[in-house]
Amino acid sequence: MNFDQKLASMIDHTLLKAQSTKEQVTKLCKEAKEYNFATVCVNPSYIEQAKKELKGTNVGITTVIGFPLGASTSETKAFETKDAIAKGATEIDMVLNVGQMKSQNYDYVQEDIKAVVQAANGVTVKVILETCYLTDEEIVKACEFSVQANANFVKTSTGFGTGGATKEHIKLMRDTVGPEIGVKASGGVRDQKTAKEMVDSGATRIGASSSIDIVKGSASGNSDY
């Protein structure tokens, strides 16, 4: 089978639609094993199913916290995080509290991230900034807060906002966090050309539902999530 294995190892193979079924999760996990994607990214109620499907493989399980709005309380996000990890999640993608960020309630934003990082207790945490709603200045601040809270990644988008990843935002995020923190491009990454542009701009992880098209270099018209 001819595909880009290096690119595959950087992809979180994603299924987050509200109408996602058990059968689709099974298919997602089968594909992740076949192509050796970094992780599958599923909603919390499917973590245990994914754990069974992926037993004995190197494929991780990413789940989402405070998704997709980021507006739940820090206490709720922390509980969600602990519960997800107890059920088998190996990586946590939390949504920044965008409203508090826009309100310039920066202490709240930083403490919110910190609550999830502490609840994760060493498990990888990615902070979804939802860059389509933020100014460049706010993106920089959100990245700085994520680094200060000891998050492991910053991530562009949920896939449910008004826009997804851009090369410009990836570069800005990479320049802000430096070389040690991961940068995940998600939202609108549907083909190999776009994925490689994101990597060239500084992304170290890709979130996509069109993962197979990406690694095989096929064209895709699928929405990202």
N, C-alpha and C. Protein backbone atom coordinates (compact mmCIF):
# COMPACT_ATOMS: atom_id res chain seq x y z
N MET A 1 0.84 -1.19 0.00
CA MET A 1 0.00 0.00 0.00
C MET A 1 0.89 1.25 0.00
N ASN A 2 0.63 2.12 -0.94
CA ASN A 2 1.47 3.29 -1.13
C ASN A 2 0.86 4.52 -0.46
N PHE A 3 1.50 5.00 0.63
CA PHE A 3 1.04 6.21 1.30
C PHE A 3 2.20 6.82 2.08
N ASP A 4 2.02 8.06 2.50
CA ASP A 4 3.07 8.81 3.19
C ASP A 4 3.04 8.46 4.68
N GLN A 5 3.91 7.53 5.09
CA GLN A 5 3.90 7.04 6.47
C GLN A 5 4.34 8.13 7.46
N LYS A 6 5.28 8.97 7.04
CA LYS A 6 5.73 10.04 7.95
C LYS A 6 4.59 10.99 8.26
N LEU A 7 3.82 11.34 7.23
CA LEU A 7 2.67 12.22 7.43
C LEU A 7 1.60 11.52 8.26
N ALA A 8 1.39 10.24 8.01
CA ALA A 8 0.40 9.47 8.76
C ALA A 8 0.69 9.49 10.26
N SER A 9 1.96 9.44 10.61
CA SER A 9 2.36 9.40 12.02
C SER A 9 2.11 10.72 12.74
N MET A 10 1.72 11.76 11.98
CA MET A 10 1.45 13.08 12.55
C MET A 10 -0.04 13.39 12.62
N ILE A 11 -0.89 12.43 12.22
CA ILE A 11 -2.32 12.72 12.07
C ILE A 11 -3.15 12.13 13.20
N ASP A 12 -4.05 12.96 13.74
CA ASP A 12 -5.12 12.50 14.63
C ASP A 12 -6.34 12.26 13.73
N HIS A 13 -6.64 10.99 13.50
CA HIS A 13 -7.72 10.58 12.59
C HIS A 13 -9.05 10.83 13.32
N THR A 14 -9.85 11.75 12.80
CA THR A 14 -10.87 12.43 13.60
C THR A 14 -12.31 12.13 13.18
N LEU A 15 -13.15 11.90 14.20
CA LEU A 15 -14.59 11.73 13.98
C LEU A 15 -15.32 12.36 15.17
N LEU A 16 -15.81 13.59 14.98
CA LEU A 16 -16.41 14.32 16.09
C LEU A 16 -17.82 14.82 15.81
N LYS A 17 -18.38 14.42 14.71
CA LYS A 17 -19.75 14.86 14.39
C LYS A 17 -20.73 14.33 15.43
N ALA A 18 -21.77 15.12 15.68
CA ALA A 18 -22.78 14.73 16.68
C ALA A 18 -23.45 13.41 16.33
N GLN A 19 -23.61 13.15 15.04
CA GLN A 19 -24.32 11.95 14.58
C GLN A 19 -23.40 10.75 14.35
N SER A 20 -22.16 10.83 14.80
CA SER A 20 -21.23 9.71 14.65
C SER A 20 -21.76 8.46 15.34
N THR A 21 -21.66 7.32 14.65
CA THR A 21 -22.20 6.07 15.18
C THR A 21 -21.08 5.13 15.65
N LYS A 22 -21.48 4.10 16.38
CA LYS A 22 -20.52 3.08 16.82
C LYS A 22 -19.83 2.43 15.64
N GLU A 23 -20.60 2.19 14.59
CA GLU A 23 -20.03 1.55 13.39
C GLU A 23 -18.97 2.44 12.75
N GLN A 24 -19.23 3.74 12.76
CA GLN A 24 -18.25 4.67 12.18
C GLN A 24 -16.99 4.75 13.04
N VAL A 25 -17.14 4.63 14.34
CA VAL A 25 -15.97 4.62 15.22
C VAL A 25 -15.14 3.36 14.99
N THR A 26 -15.82 2.23 14.82
CA THR A 26 -15.11 0.98 14.50
C THR A 26 -14.30 1.14 13.21
N LYS A 27 -14.91 1.73 12.21
CA LYS A 27 -14.24 1.96 10.92
C LYS A 27 -13.05 2.91 11.10
N LEU A 28 -13.25 3.95 11.88
CA LEU A 28 -12.18 4.91 12.16
C LEU A 28 -10.96 4.21 12.77
N CYS A 29 -11.22 3.37 13.76
CA CYS A 29 -10.14 2.66 14.45
C CYS A 29 -9.44 1.67 13.52
N LYS A 30 -10.20 0.99 12.69
CA LYS A 30 -9.63 0.05 11.72
C LYS A 30 -8.69 0.79 10.77
N GLU A 31 -9.14 1.95 10.30
CA GLU A 31 -8.30 2.75 9.39
C GLU A 31 -7.05 3.25 10.10
N ALA A 32 -7.20 3.65 11.35
CA ALA A 32 -6.06 4.15 12.12
C ALA A 32 -4.99 3.07 12.29
N LYS A 33 -5.44 1.84 12.52
CA LYS A 33 -4.50 0.72 12.64
C LYS A 33 -3.82 0.43 11.30
N GLU A 34 -4.60 0.48 10.24
CA GLU A 34 -4.07 0.16 8.91
C GLU A 34 -3.02 1.17 8.45
N TYR A 35 -3.27 2.45 8.76
CA TYR A 35 -2.36 3.50 8.29
C TYR A 35 -1.41 4.01 9.37
N ASN A 36 -1.54 3.46 10.57
CA ASN A 36 -0.68 3.82 11.69
C ASN A 36 -0.71 5.32 11.98
N PHE A 37 -1.93 5.86 12.07
CA PHE A 37 -2.08 7.25 12.46
C PHE A 37 -1.66 7.43 13.92
N ALA A 38 -1.34 8.66 14.30
CA ALA A 38 -0.88 8.93 15.67
C ALA A 38 -1.95 8.55 16.68
N THR A 39 -3.15 9.06 16.46
CA THR A 39 -4.28 8.75 17.34
C THR A 39 -5.58 8.76 16.54
N VAL A 40 -6.62 8.24 17.15
CA VAL A 40 -7.98 8.55 16.70
C VAL A 40 -8.46 9.66 17.63
N CYS A 41 -9.30 10.55 17.11
CA CYS A 41 -9.89 11.61 17.93
C CYS A 41 -11.39 11.42 17.92
N VAL A 42 -11.93 11.07 19.09
CA VAL A 42 -13.36 10.73 19.20
C VAL A 42 -13.98 11.49 20.37
N ASN A 43 -15.30 11.59 20.33
CA ASN A 43 -16.03 12.18 21.45
C ASN A 43 -15.91 11.28 22.68
N PRO A 44 -16.02 11.86 23.88
CA PRO A 44 -15.76 11.10 25.10
C PRO A 44 -16.56 9.80 25.26
N SER A 45 -17.79 9.76 24.79
CA SER A 45 -18.60 8.55 24.98
C SER A 45 -18.09 7.37 24.17
N TYR A 46 -17.18 7.62 23.24
CA TYR A 46 -16.63 6.53 22.42
C TYR A 46 -15.21 6.12 22.83
N ILE A 47 -14.70 6.69 23.91
CA ILE A 47 -13.34 6.36 24.33
C ILE A 47 -13.18 4.87 24.61
N GLU A 48 -14.11 4.31 25.37
CA GLU A 48 -13.97 2.90 25.77
C GLU A 48 -14.07 1.97 24.57
N GLN A 49 -14.93 2.30 23.62
CA GLN A 49 -15.01 1.50 22.40
C GLN A 49 -13.69 1.57 21.63
N ALA A 50 -13.15 2.78 21.51
CA ALA A 50 -11.88 2.95 20.79
C ALA A 50 -10.76 2.18 21.49
N LYS A 51 -10.78 2.17 22.81
CA LYS A 51 -9.75 1.44 23.57
C LYS A 51 -9.78 -0.05 23.25
N LYS A 52 -10.99 -0.61 23.16
CA LYS A 52 -11.11 -2.03 22.80
C LYS A 52 -10.64 -2.28 21.38
N GLU A 53 -11.05 -1.39 20.47
CA GLU A 53 -10.71 -1.57 19.05
C GLU A 53 -9.20 -1.46 18.81
N LEU A 54 -8.53 -0.64 19.60
CA LEU A 54 -7.11 -0.34 19.36
C LEU A 54 -6.17 -1.11 20.29
N LYS A 55 -6.71 -2.01 21.07
CA LYS A 55 -5.89 -2.79 22.01
C LYS A 55 -4.75 -3.48 21.28
N GLY A 56 -3.55 -3.36 21.85
CA GLY A 56 -2.40 -4.03 21.26
C GLY A 56 -1.73 -3.26 20.12
N THR A 57 -2.19 -2.04 19.87
CA THR A 57 -1.59 -1.22 18.81
C THR A 57 -0.88 -0.01 19.43
N ASN A 58 -0.19 0.73 18.58
CA ASN A 58 0.48 1.94 19.04
C ASN A 58 -0.36 3.20 18.81
N VAL A 59 -1.58 3.02 18.33
CA VAL A 59 -2.45 4.16 18.04
C VAL A 59 -3.05 4.68 19.35
N GLY A 60 -2.89 5.97 19.59
CA GLY A 60 -3.43 6.57 20.80
C GLY A 60 -4.89 6.97 20.65
N ILE A 61 -5.46 7.48 21.74
CA ILE A 61 -6.85 7.92 21.74
C ILE A 61 -6.91 9.36 22.24
N THR A 62 -7.26 10.26 21.34
CA THR A 62 -7.50 11.65 21.70
C THR A 62 -8.99 11.85 21.93
N THR A 63 -9.33 12.64 22.94
CA THR A 63 -10.73 13.04 23.10
C THR A 63 -10.79 14.54 23.35
N VAL A 64 -12.00 15.08 23.31
CA VAL A 64 -12.18 16.53 23.38
C VAL A 64 -12.90 16.92 24.68
N ILE A 65 -12.49 18.06 25.23
CA ILE A 65 -12.98 18.53 26.52
C ILE A 65 -13.53 19.95 26.36
N GLY A 66 -14.70 20.20 26.93
CA GLY A 66 -15.32 21.52 26.79
C GLY A 66 -15.66 21.82 25.35
N PHE A 67 -16.02 20.80 24.62
CA PHE A 67 -16.15 20.87 23.16
C PHE A 67 -17.59 21.07 22.74
N PRO A 68 -17.86 21.89 21.72
CA PRO A 68 -16.90 22.67 20.92
C PRO A 68 -16.78 24.13 21.32
N LEU A 69 -17.51 24.58 22.34
CA LEU A 69 -17.56 26.01 22.63
C LEU A 69 -16.50 26.49 23.62
N GLY A 70 -16.02 25.59 24.46
CA GLY A 70 -15.03 25.99 25.47
C GLY A 70 -15.63 26.75 26.64
N ALA A 71 -16.96 26.80 26.70
CA ALA A 71 -17.62 27.70 27.65
C ALA A 71 -18.06 27.04 28.95
N SER A 72 -17.82 25.75 29.11
CA SER A 72 -18.15 25.11 30.38
C SER A 72 -17.16 25.55 31.45
N THR A 73 -17.50 25.32 32.70
CA THR A 73 -16.65 25.80 33.80
C THR A 73 -15.34 25.01 33.86
N SER A 74 -14.36 25.61 34.51
CA SER A 74 -13.07 24.94 34.67
C SER A 74 -13.22 23.64 35.46
N GLU A 75 -14.10 23.67 36.46
CA GLU A 75 -14.33 22.46 37.26
C GLU A 75 -14.91 21.34 36.41
N THR A 76 -15.82 21.70 35.52
CA THR A 76 -16.41 20.70 34.62
C THR A 76 -15.36 20.14 33.68
N LYS A 77 -14.53 21.02 33.13
CA LYS A 77 -13.47 20.58 32.22
C LYS A 77 -12.48 19.64 32.94
N ALA A 78 -12.16 19.98 34.17
CA ALA A 78 -11.24 19.14 34.94
C ALA A 78 -11.84 17.76 35.18
N PHE A 79 -13.13 17.72 35.54
CA PHE A 79 -13.81 16.44 35.76
C PHE A 79 -13.85 15.63 34.47
N GLU A 80 -14.22 16.29 33.38
CA GLU A 80 -14.26 15.61 32.08
C GLU A 80 -12.90 14.99 31.75
N THR A 81 -11.86 15.74 32.05
CA THR A 81 -10.49 15.29 31.74
C THR A 81 -10.14 14.03 32.53
N LYS A 82 -10.40 14.06 33.83
CA LYS A 82 -10.10 12.89 34.68
C LYS A 82 -10.91 11.68 34.24
N ASP A 83 -12.17 11.90 33.95
CA ASP A 83 -13.05 10.82 33.52
C ASP A 83 -12.58 10.22 32.20
N ALA A 84 -12.19 11.08 31.27
CA ALA A 84 -11.74 10.62 29.95
C ALA A 84 -10.47 9.78 30.07
N ILE A 85 -9.56 10.23 30.91
CA ILE A 85 -8.31 9.48 31.08
C ILE A 85 -8.57 8.14 31.76
N ALA A 86 -9.45 8.14 32.76
CA ALA A 86 -9.81 6.89 33.44
C ALA A 86 -10.41 5.89 32.46
N LYS A 87 -11.11 6.37 31.45
CA LYS A 87 -11.75 5.48 30.47
C LYS A 87 -10.81 5.06 29.35
N GLY A 88 -9.63 5.70 29.26
CA GLY A 88 -8.65 5.24 28.28
C GLY A 88 -8.09 6.28 27.34
N ALA A 89 -8.48 7.55 27.49
CA ALA A 89 -7.92 8.58 26.62
C ALA A 89 -6.43 8.76 26.90
N THR A 90 -5.65 8.91 25.85
CA THR A 90 -4.20 9.11 26.00
C THR A 90 -3.77 10.53 25.66
N GLU A 91 -4.68 11.30 25.06
CA GLU A 91 -4.41 12.71 24.78
C GLU A 91 -5.72 13.49 24.94
N ILE A 92 -5.59 14.73 25.42
CA ILE A 92 -6.74 15.57 25.72
C ILE A 92 -6.67 16.84 24.87
N ASP A 93 -7.72 17.10 24.09
CA ASP A 93 -7.83 18.35 23.34
C ASP A 93 -8.92 19.21 23.99
N MET A 94 -8.52 20.23 24.73
CA MET A 94 -9.47 21.09 25.43
C MET A 94 -9.70 22.37 24.64
N VAL A 95 -10.91 22.89 24.74
CA VAL A 95 -11.23 24.14 24.05
C VAL A 95 -11.01 25.31 24.99
N LEU A 96 -10.23 26.28 24.53
CA LEU A 96 -10.04 27.54 25.24
C LEU A 96 -11.39 28.20 25.52
N ASN A 97 -11.50 28.91 26.63
CA ASN A 97 -12.73 29.68 26.87
C ASN A 97 -12.64 30.96 26.04
N VAL A 98 -13.17 30.89 24.83
CA VAL A 98 -13.04 31.97 23.86
C VAL A 98 -13.72 33.24 24.36
N GLY A 99 -14.90 33.10 24.96
CA GLY A 99 -15.63 34.27 25.46
C GLY A 99 -14.86 35.03 26.53
N GLN A 100 -14.24 34.29 27.45
CA GLN A 100 -13.43 34.93 28.49
C GLN A 100 -12.18 35.57 27.88
N MET A 101 -11.64 34.93 26.84
CA MET A 101 -10.49 35.51 26.14
C MET A 101 -10.88 36.83 25.49
N LYS A 102 -12.01 36.85 24.81
CA LYS A 102 -12.49 38.08 24.15
C LYS A 102 -12.83 39.16 25.18
N SER A 103 -13.19 38.73 26.39
CA SER A 103 -13.51 39.67 27.47
C SER A 103 -12.26 40.18 28.19
N GLN A 104 -11.11 39.69 27.76
CA GLN A 104 -9.81 40.05 28.35
C GLN A 104 -9.72 39.61 29.82
N ASN A 105 -10.44 38.54 30.14
CA ASN A 105 -10.37 37.97 31.48
C ASN A 105 -9.24 36.94 31.48
N TYR A 106 -8.03 37.45 31.40
CA TYR A 106 -6.87 36.60 31.13
C TYR A 106 -6.53 35.65 32.28
N ASP A 107 -6.75 36.09 33.51
CA ASP A 107 -6.50 35.20 34.65
C ASP A 107 -7.40 33.97 34.56
N TYR A 108 -8.66 34.20 34.21
CA TYR A 108 -9.60 33.09 34.07
C TYR A 108 -9.12 32.12 33.00
N VAL A 109 -8.72 32.65 31.86
CA VAL A 109 -8.29 31.81 30.74
C VAL A 109 -7.11 30.94 31.13
N GLN A 110 -6.14 31.55 31.78
CA GLN A 110 -4.95 30.80 32.16
C GLN A 110 -5.26 29.75 33.22
N GLU A 111 -6.08 30.10 34.18
CA GLU A 111 -6.45 29.15 35.23
C GLU A 111 -7.28 27.99 34.66
N ASP A 112 -8.08 28.29 33.65
CA ASP A 112 -8.90 27.28 32.98
C ASP A 112 -8.02 26.23 32.32
N ILE A 113 -7.00 26.70 31.63
CA ILE A 113 -6.06 25.76 30.98
C ILE A 113 -5.32 24.96 32.05
N LYS A 114 -4.87 25.67 33.08
CA LYS A 114 -4.11 25.03 34.15
C LYS A 114 -4.92 23.94 34.84
N ALA A 115 -6.23 24.18 35.01
CA ALA A 115 -7.09 23.18 35.66
C ALA A 115 -7.11 21.87 34.88
N VAL A 116 -7.14 21.98 33.56
CA VAL A 116 -7.15 20.78 32.72
C VAL A 116 -5.78 20.10 32.73
N VAL A 117 -4.72 20.88 32.63
CA VAL A 117 -3.36 20.31 32.66
C VAL A 117 -3.12 19.57 33.97
N GLN A 118 -3.55 20.17 35.07
CA GLN A 118 -3.37 19.51 36.37
C GLN A 118 -4.22 18.24 36.47
N ALA A 119 -5.43 18.30 35.96
CA ALA A 119 -6.31 17.12 35.98
C ALA A 119 -5.74 16.01 35.11
N ALA A 120 -5.07 16.38 34.03
CA ALA A 120 -4.49 15.39 33.11
C ALA A 120 -3.30 14.67 33.72
N ASN A 121 -2.64 15.32 34.67
CA ASN A 121 -1.59 14.66 35.47
C ASN A 121 -0.53 13.98 34.59
N GLY A 122 -0.02 14.72 33.62
CA GLY A 122 1.05 14.19 32.77
C GLY A 122 0.60 13.70 31.41
N VAL A 123 -0.69 13.49 31.23
CA VAL A 123 -1.21 13.11 29.91
C VAL A 123 -1.18 14.33 29.00
N THR A 124 -0.85 14.12 27.74
CA THR A 124 -0.72 15.21 26.77
C THR A 124 -2.00 16.04 26.68
N VAL A 125 -1.84 17.36 26.78
CA VAL A 125 -2.96 18.30 26.65
C VAL A 125 -2.70 19.24 25.48
N LYS A 126 -3.68 19.34 24.59
CA LYS A 126 -3.64 20.29 23.48
C LYS A 126 -4.73 21.34 23.74
N VAL A 127 -4.39 22.61 23.57
CA VAL A 127 -5.34 23.69 23.81
C VAL A 127 -5.86 24.20 22.46
N ILE A 128 -7.16 24.03 22.23
CA ILE A 128 -7.78 24.48 20.99
C ILE A 128 -8.12 25.96 21.12
N LEU A 129 -7.48 26.79 20.32
CA LEU A 129 -7.64 28.23 20.44
C LEU A 129 -8.88 28.76 19.72
N GLU A 130 -9.36 28.04 18.73
CA GLU A 130 -10.43 28.50 17.84
C GLU A 130 -10.02 29.85 17.23
N THR A 131 -8.95 29.79 16.45
CA THR A 131 -8.27 30.98 15.93
C THR A 131 -9.16 31.87 15.06
N CYS A 132 -10.21 31.30 14.46
CA CYS A 132 -11.09 32.10 13.60
C CYS A 132 -11.78 33.22 14.36
N TYR A 133 -11.86 33.09 15.68
CA TYR A 133 -12.54 34.10 16.49
C TYR A 133 -11.56 35.06 17.17
N LEU A 134 -10.26 34.83 17.02
CA LEU A 134 -9.27 35.60 17.75
C LEU A 134 -8.46 36.51 16.83
N THR A 135 -8.04 37.65 17.38
CA THR A 135 -7.08 38.50 16.68
C THR A 135 -5.69 37.88 16.81
N ASP A 136 -4.75 38.35 16.00
CA ASP A 136 -3.38 37.85 16.12
C ASP A 136 -2.84 38.08 17.54
N GLU A 137 -3.15 39.23 18.11
CA GLU A 137 -2.70 39.53 19.47
C GLU A 137 -3.28 38.53 20.47
N GLU A 138 -4.55 38.18 20.28
CA GLU A 138 -5.19 37.22 21.18
C GLU A 138 -4.63 35.82 20.98
N ILE A 139 -4.29 35.48 19.75
CA ILE A 139 -3.66 34.17 19.49
C ILE A 139 -2.32 34.08 20.22
N VAL A 140 -1.54 35.14 20.13
CA VAL A 140 -0.25 35.16 20.84
C VAL A 140 -0.46 35.01 22.33
N LYS A 141 -1.40 35.75 22.90
CA LYS A 141 -1.66 35.66 24.35
C LYS A 141 -2.12 34.25 24.73
N ALA A 142 -3.03 33.68 23.94
CA ALA A 142 -3.53 32.33 24.24
C ALA A 142 -2.39 31.30 24.19
N CYS A 143 -1.49 31.46 23.23
CA CYS A 143 -0.33 30.56 23.16
C CYS A 143 0.56 30.73 24.39
N GLU A 144 0.78 31.97 24.79
CA GLU A 144 1.61 32.23 25.97
C GLU A 144 0.98 31.64 27.23
N PHE A 145 -0.34 31.79 27.37
CA PHE A 145 -1.03 31.22 28.52
C PHE A 145 -0.91 29.69 28.53
N SER A 146 -0.99 29.10 27.35
CA SER A 146 -0.90 27.63 27.23
C SER A 146 0.48 27.14 27.65
N VAL A 147 1.51 27.85 27.21
CA VAL A 147 2.88 27.49 27.59
C VAL A 147 3.07 27.64 29.10
N GLN A 148 2.58 28.76 29.64
CA GLN A 148 2.73 29.02 31.08
C GLN A 148 1.99 27.99 31.93
N ALA A 149 0.91 27.44 31.38
CA ALA A 149 0.13 26.43 32.10
C ALA A 149 0.67 25.01 31.89
N ASN A 150 1.77 24.91 31.12
CA ASN A 150 2.43 23.62 30.84
C ASN A 150 1.62 22.69 29.95
N ALA A 151 0.80 23.26 29.07
CA ALA A 151 0.15 22.44 28.05
C ALA A 151 1.22 21.95 27.07
N ASN A 152 0.90 20.87 26.36
CA ASN A 152 1.87 20.25 25.45
C ASN A 152 1.75 20.72 24.00
N PHE A 153 0.55 21.16 23.63
CA PHE A 153 0.28 21.61 22.26
C PHE A 153 -0.63 22.82 22.30
N VAL A 154 -0.56 23.63 21.26
CA VAL A 154 -1.64 24.55 20.92
C VAL A 154 -2.22 24.09 19.59
N LYS A 155 -3.52 24.28 19.43
CA LYS A 155 -4.24 23.74 18.27
C LYS A 155 -5.13 24.84 17.69
N THR A 156 -5.28 24.86 16.38
CA THR A 156 -5.99 25.97 15.74
C THR A 156 -7.48 25.97 16.01
N SER A 157 -8.17 24.84 15.79
CA SER A 157 -9.62 24.91 15.60
C SER A 157 -10.35 23.65 16.06
N THR A 158 -11.63 23.83 16.34
CA THR A 158 -12.49 22.68 16.63
C THR A 158 -13.00 22.00 15.36
N GLY A 159 -13.07 22.77 14.28
CA GLY A 159 -13.74 22.30 13.07
C GLY A 159 -15.20 22.69 13.04
N PHE A 160 -15.66 23.32 14.13
CA PHE A 160 -17.06 23.73 14.22
C PHE A 160 -17.21 25.25 14.20
N GLY A 161 -16.12 25.97 14.08
CA GLY A 161 -16.16 27.42 14.04
C GLY A 161 -16.37 27.92 12.62
N THR A 162 -16.12 29.21 12.42
CA THR A 162 -16.34 29.82 11.11
C THR A 162 -15.15 29.66 10.17
N GLY A 163 -14.04 29.13 10.68
CA GLY A 163 -12.86 28.91 9.85
C GLY A 163 -11.94 27.91 10.51
N GLY A 164 -10.99 27.40 9.72
CA GLY A 164 -10.06 26.40 10.22
C GLY A 164 -8.63 26.90 10.23
N ALA A 165 -7.70 25.96 10.06
CA ALA A 165 -6.28 26.28 10.13
C ALA A 165 -5.85 27.09 8.92
N THR A 166 -4.94 28.02 9.16
CA THR A 166 -4.27 28.74 8.07
C THR A 166 -2.77 28.68 8.30
N LYS A 167 -2.02 28.79 7.22
CA LYS A 167 -0.55 28.79 7.33
C LYS A 167 -0.08 29.95 8.20
N GLU A 168 -0.74 31.09 8.06
CA GLU A 168 -0.34 32.28 8.80
C GLU A 168 -0.52 32.08 10.31
N HIS A 169 -1.63 31.47 10.69
CA HIS A 169 -1.87 31.23 12.12
C HIS A 169 -0.91 30.17 12.66
N ILE A 170 -0.65 29.14 11.88
CA ILE A 170 0.30 28.11 12.31
C ILE A 170 1.67 28.72 12.56
N LYS A 171 2.12 29.55 11.64
CA LYS A 171 3.43 30.20 11.79
C LYS A 171 3.45 31.10 13.02
N LEU A 172 2.38 31.86 13.23
CA LEU A 172 2.29 32.74 14.39
C LEU A 172 2.34 31.93 15.68
N MET A 173 1.60 30.83 15.71
CA MET A 173 1.59 29.97 16.90
C MET A 173 2.96 29.36 17.14
N ARG A 174 3.60 28.88 16.08
CA ARG A 174 4.94 28.29 16.23
C ARG A 174 5.94 29.33 16.71
N ASP A 175 5.90 30.52 16.12
CA ASP A 175 6.84 31.57 16.54
C ASP A 175 6.63 31.94 18.00
N THR A 176 5.40 31.85 18.47
CA THR A 176 5.09 32.24 19.86
C THR A 176 5.50 31.18 20.85
N VAL A 177 5.20 29.92 20.58
CA VAL A 177 5.46 28.87 21.57
C VAL A 177 6.90 28.36 21.53
N GLY A 178 7.61 28.63 20.43
CA GLY A 178 8.97 28.13 20.32
C GLY A 178 9.02 26.67 19.87
N PRO A 179 10.20 26.08 19.88
CA PRO A 179 10.38 24.75 19.30
C PRO A 179 9.93 23.57 20.16
N GLU A 180 9.70 23.81 21.45
CA GLU A 180 9.47 22.70 22.37
C GLU A 180 8.01 22.27 22.47
N ILE A 181 7.08 23.14 22.10
CA ILE A 181 5.65 22.87 22.24
C ILE A 181 5.08 22.45 20.89
N GLY A 182 4.16 21.48 20.90
CA GLY A 182 3.54 21.03 19.66
C GLY A 182 2.54 22.04 19.13
N VAL A 183 2.36 22.06 17.82
CA VAL A 183 1.35 22.88 17.17
C VAL A 183 0.51 21.97 16.28
N LYS A 184 -0.81 21.98 16.51
CA LYS A 184 -1.71 21.12 15.75
C LYS A 184 -2.59 21.95 14.83
N ALA A 185 -2.56 21.59 13.55
CA ALA A 185 -3.41 22.23 12.54
C ALA A 185 -4.65 21.39 12.34
N SER A 186 -5.82 22.00 12.57
CA SER A 186 -7.07 21.26 12.35
C SER A 186 -8.12 22.22 11.82
N GLY A 187 -9.08 21.68 11.11
CA GLY A 187 -10.12 22.47 10.48
C GLY A 187 -9.74 22.82 9.06
N GLY A 188 -10.35 22.12 8.11
CA GLY A 188 -10.13 22.43 6.70
C GLY A 188 -8.91 21.80 6.07
N VAL A 189 -8.20 20.93 6.80
CA VAL A 189 -7.04 20.24 6.21
C VAL A 189 -7.55 18.96 5.56
N ARG A 190 -7.69 18.99 4.24
CA ARG A 190 -8.39 17.90 3.54
C ARG A 190 -7.56 17.21 2.46
N ASP A 191 -6.36 17.72 2.19
CA ASP A 191 -5.55 17.11 1.14
C ASP A 191 -4.07 17.19 1.51
N GLN A 192 -3.27 16.42 0.80
CA GLN A 192 -1.86 16.31 1.14
C GLN A 192 -1.12 17.64 0.99
N LYS A 193 -1.44 18.37 -0.04
CA LYS A 193 -0.77 19.66 -0.27
C LYS A 193 -0.98 20.60 0.92
N THR A 194 -2.23 20.71 1.37
CA THR A 194 -2.53 21.59 2.51
C THR A 194 -1.84 21.08 3.77
N ALA A 195 -1.88 19.77 4.00
CA ALA A 195 -1.24 19.20 5.18
C ALA A 195 0.25 19.51 5.21
N LYS A 196 0.91 19.36 4.07
CA LYS A 196 2.35 19.62 4.01
C LYS A 196 2.67 21.09 4.17
N GLU A 197 1.78 21.96 3.67
CA GLU A 197 1.95 23.40 3.90
C GLU A 197 1.87 23.72 5.38
N MET A 198 0.98 23.05 6.09
CA MET A 198 0.85 23.26 7.53
C MET A 198 2.12 22.79 8.26
N VAL A 199 2.63 21.64 7.87
CA VAL A 199 3.86 21.12 8.48
C VAL A 199 5.03 22.06 8.19
N ASP A 200 5.12 22.53 6.96
CA ASP A 200 6.20 23.46 6.59
C ASP A 200 6.10 24.77 7.38
N SER A 201 4.88 25.13 7.78
CA SER A 201 4.67 26.38 8.53
C SER A 201 4.91 26.21 10.03
N GLY A 202 5.07 24.94 10.48
CA GLY A 202 5.40 24.70 11.89
C GLY A 202 4.53 23.71 12.61
N ALA A 203 3.53 23.12 11.93
CA ALA A 203 2.67 22.13 12.59
C ALA A 203 3.41 20.82 12.81
N THR A 204 3.18 20.22 13.97
CA THR A 204 3.74 18.91 14.26
C THR A 204 2.66 17.83 14.39
N ARG A 205 1.40 18.27 14.31
CA ARG A 205 0.28 17.33 14.32
C ARG A 205 -0.82 17.91 13.43
N ILE A 206 -1.56 17.01 12.79
CA ILE A 206 -2.67 17.38 11.92
C ILE A 206 -3.94 16.70 12.44
N GLY A 207 -5.03 17.45 12.55
CA GLY A 207 -6.32 16.86 12.88
C GLY A 207 -7.19 16.86 11.65
N ALA A 208 -7.67 15.69 11.24
CA ALA A 208 -8.44 15.61 9.99
C ALA A 208 -9.31 14.38 9.96
N SER A 209 -10.40 14.47 9.22
CA SER A 209 -11.22 13.29 8.94
C SER A 209 -10.89 12.73 7.56
N SER A 210 -10.26 13.54 6.72
CA SER A 210 -9.87 13.10 5.38
C SER A 210 -8.45 12.53 5.39
N SER A 211 -8.10 11.86 6.48
CA SER A 211 -6.72 11.42 6.71
C SER A 211 -6.19 10.50 5.62
N ILE A 212 -7.02 9.58 5.17
CA ILE A 212 -6.56 8.62 4.15
C ILE A 212 -6.28 9.34 2.84
N ASP A 213 -7.16 10.24 2.45
CA ASP A 213 -6.92 11.04 1.24
C ASP A 213 -5.62 11.84 1.39
N ILE A 214 -5.37 12.36 2.58
CA ILE A 214 -4.17 13.15 2.82
C ILE A 214 -2.91 12.30 2.62
N VAL A 215 -2.87 11.15 3.25
CA VAL A 215 -1.63 10.35 3.20
C VAL A 215 -1.43 9.65 1.85
N LYS A 216 -2.53 9.43 1.12
CA LYS A 216 -2.43 8.80 -0.19
C LYS A 216 -2.31 9.84 -1.31
N GLY A 217 -2.46 11.11 -0.97
CA GLY A 217 -2.35 12.16 -1.97
C GLY A 217 -3.57 12.26 -2.86
N SER A 218 -4.72 11.78 -2.37
CA SER A 218 -5.97 11.83 -3.14
C SER A 218 -6.68 13.14 -2.89
N ALA A 219 -7.55 13.52 -3.80
CA ALA A 219 -8.39 14.70 -3.60
C ALA A 219 -9.56 14.32 -2.71
N SER A 220 -10.01 15.27 -1.91
CA SER A 220 -11.14 14.99 -1.02
C SER A 220 -12.07 16.19 -0.93
N GLY A 221 -13.35 15.92 -0.90
CA GLY A 221 -14.32 17.00 -0.71
C GLY A 221 -14.97 16.92 0.67
N ASN A 222 -14.49 16.04 1.53
CA ASN A 222 -15.10 15.88 2.84
C ASN A 222 -14.86 17.08 3.73
N SER A 223 -15.81 17.36 4.61
CA SER A 223 -15.56 18.38 5.62
C SER A 223 -14.58 17.80 6.63
N ASP A 224 -13.87 18.68 7.34
CA ASP A 224 -12.78 18.21 8.19
C ASP A 224 -13.26 17.29 9.30
N TYR A 225 -14.40 17.63 9.94
CA TYR A 225 -14.94 16.77 10.98
C TYR A 225 -16.28 16.22 10.56
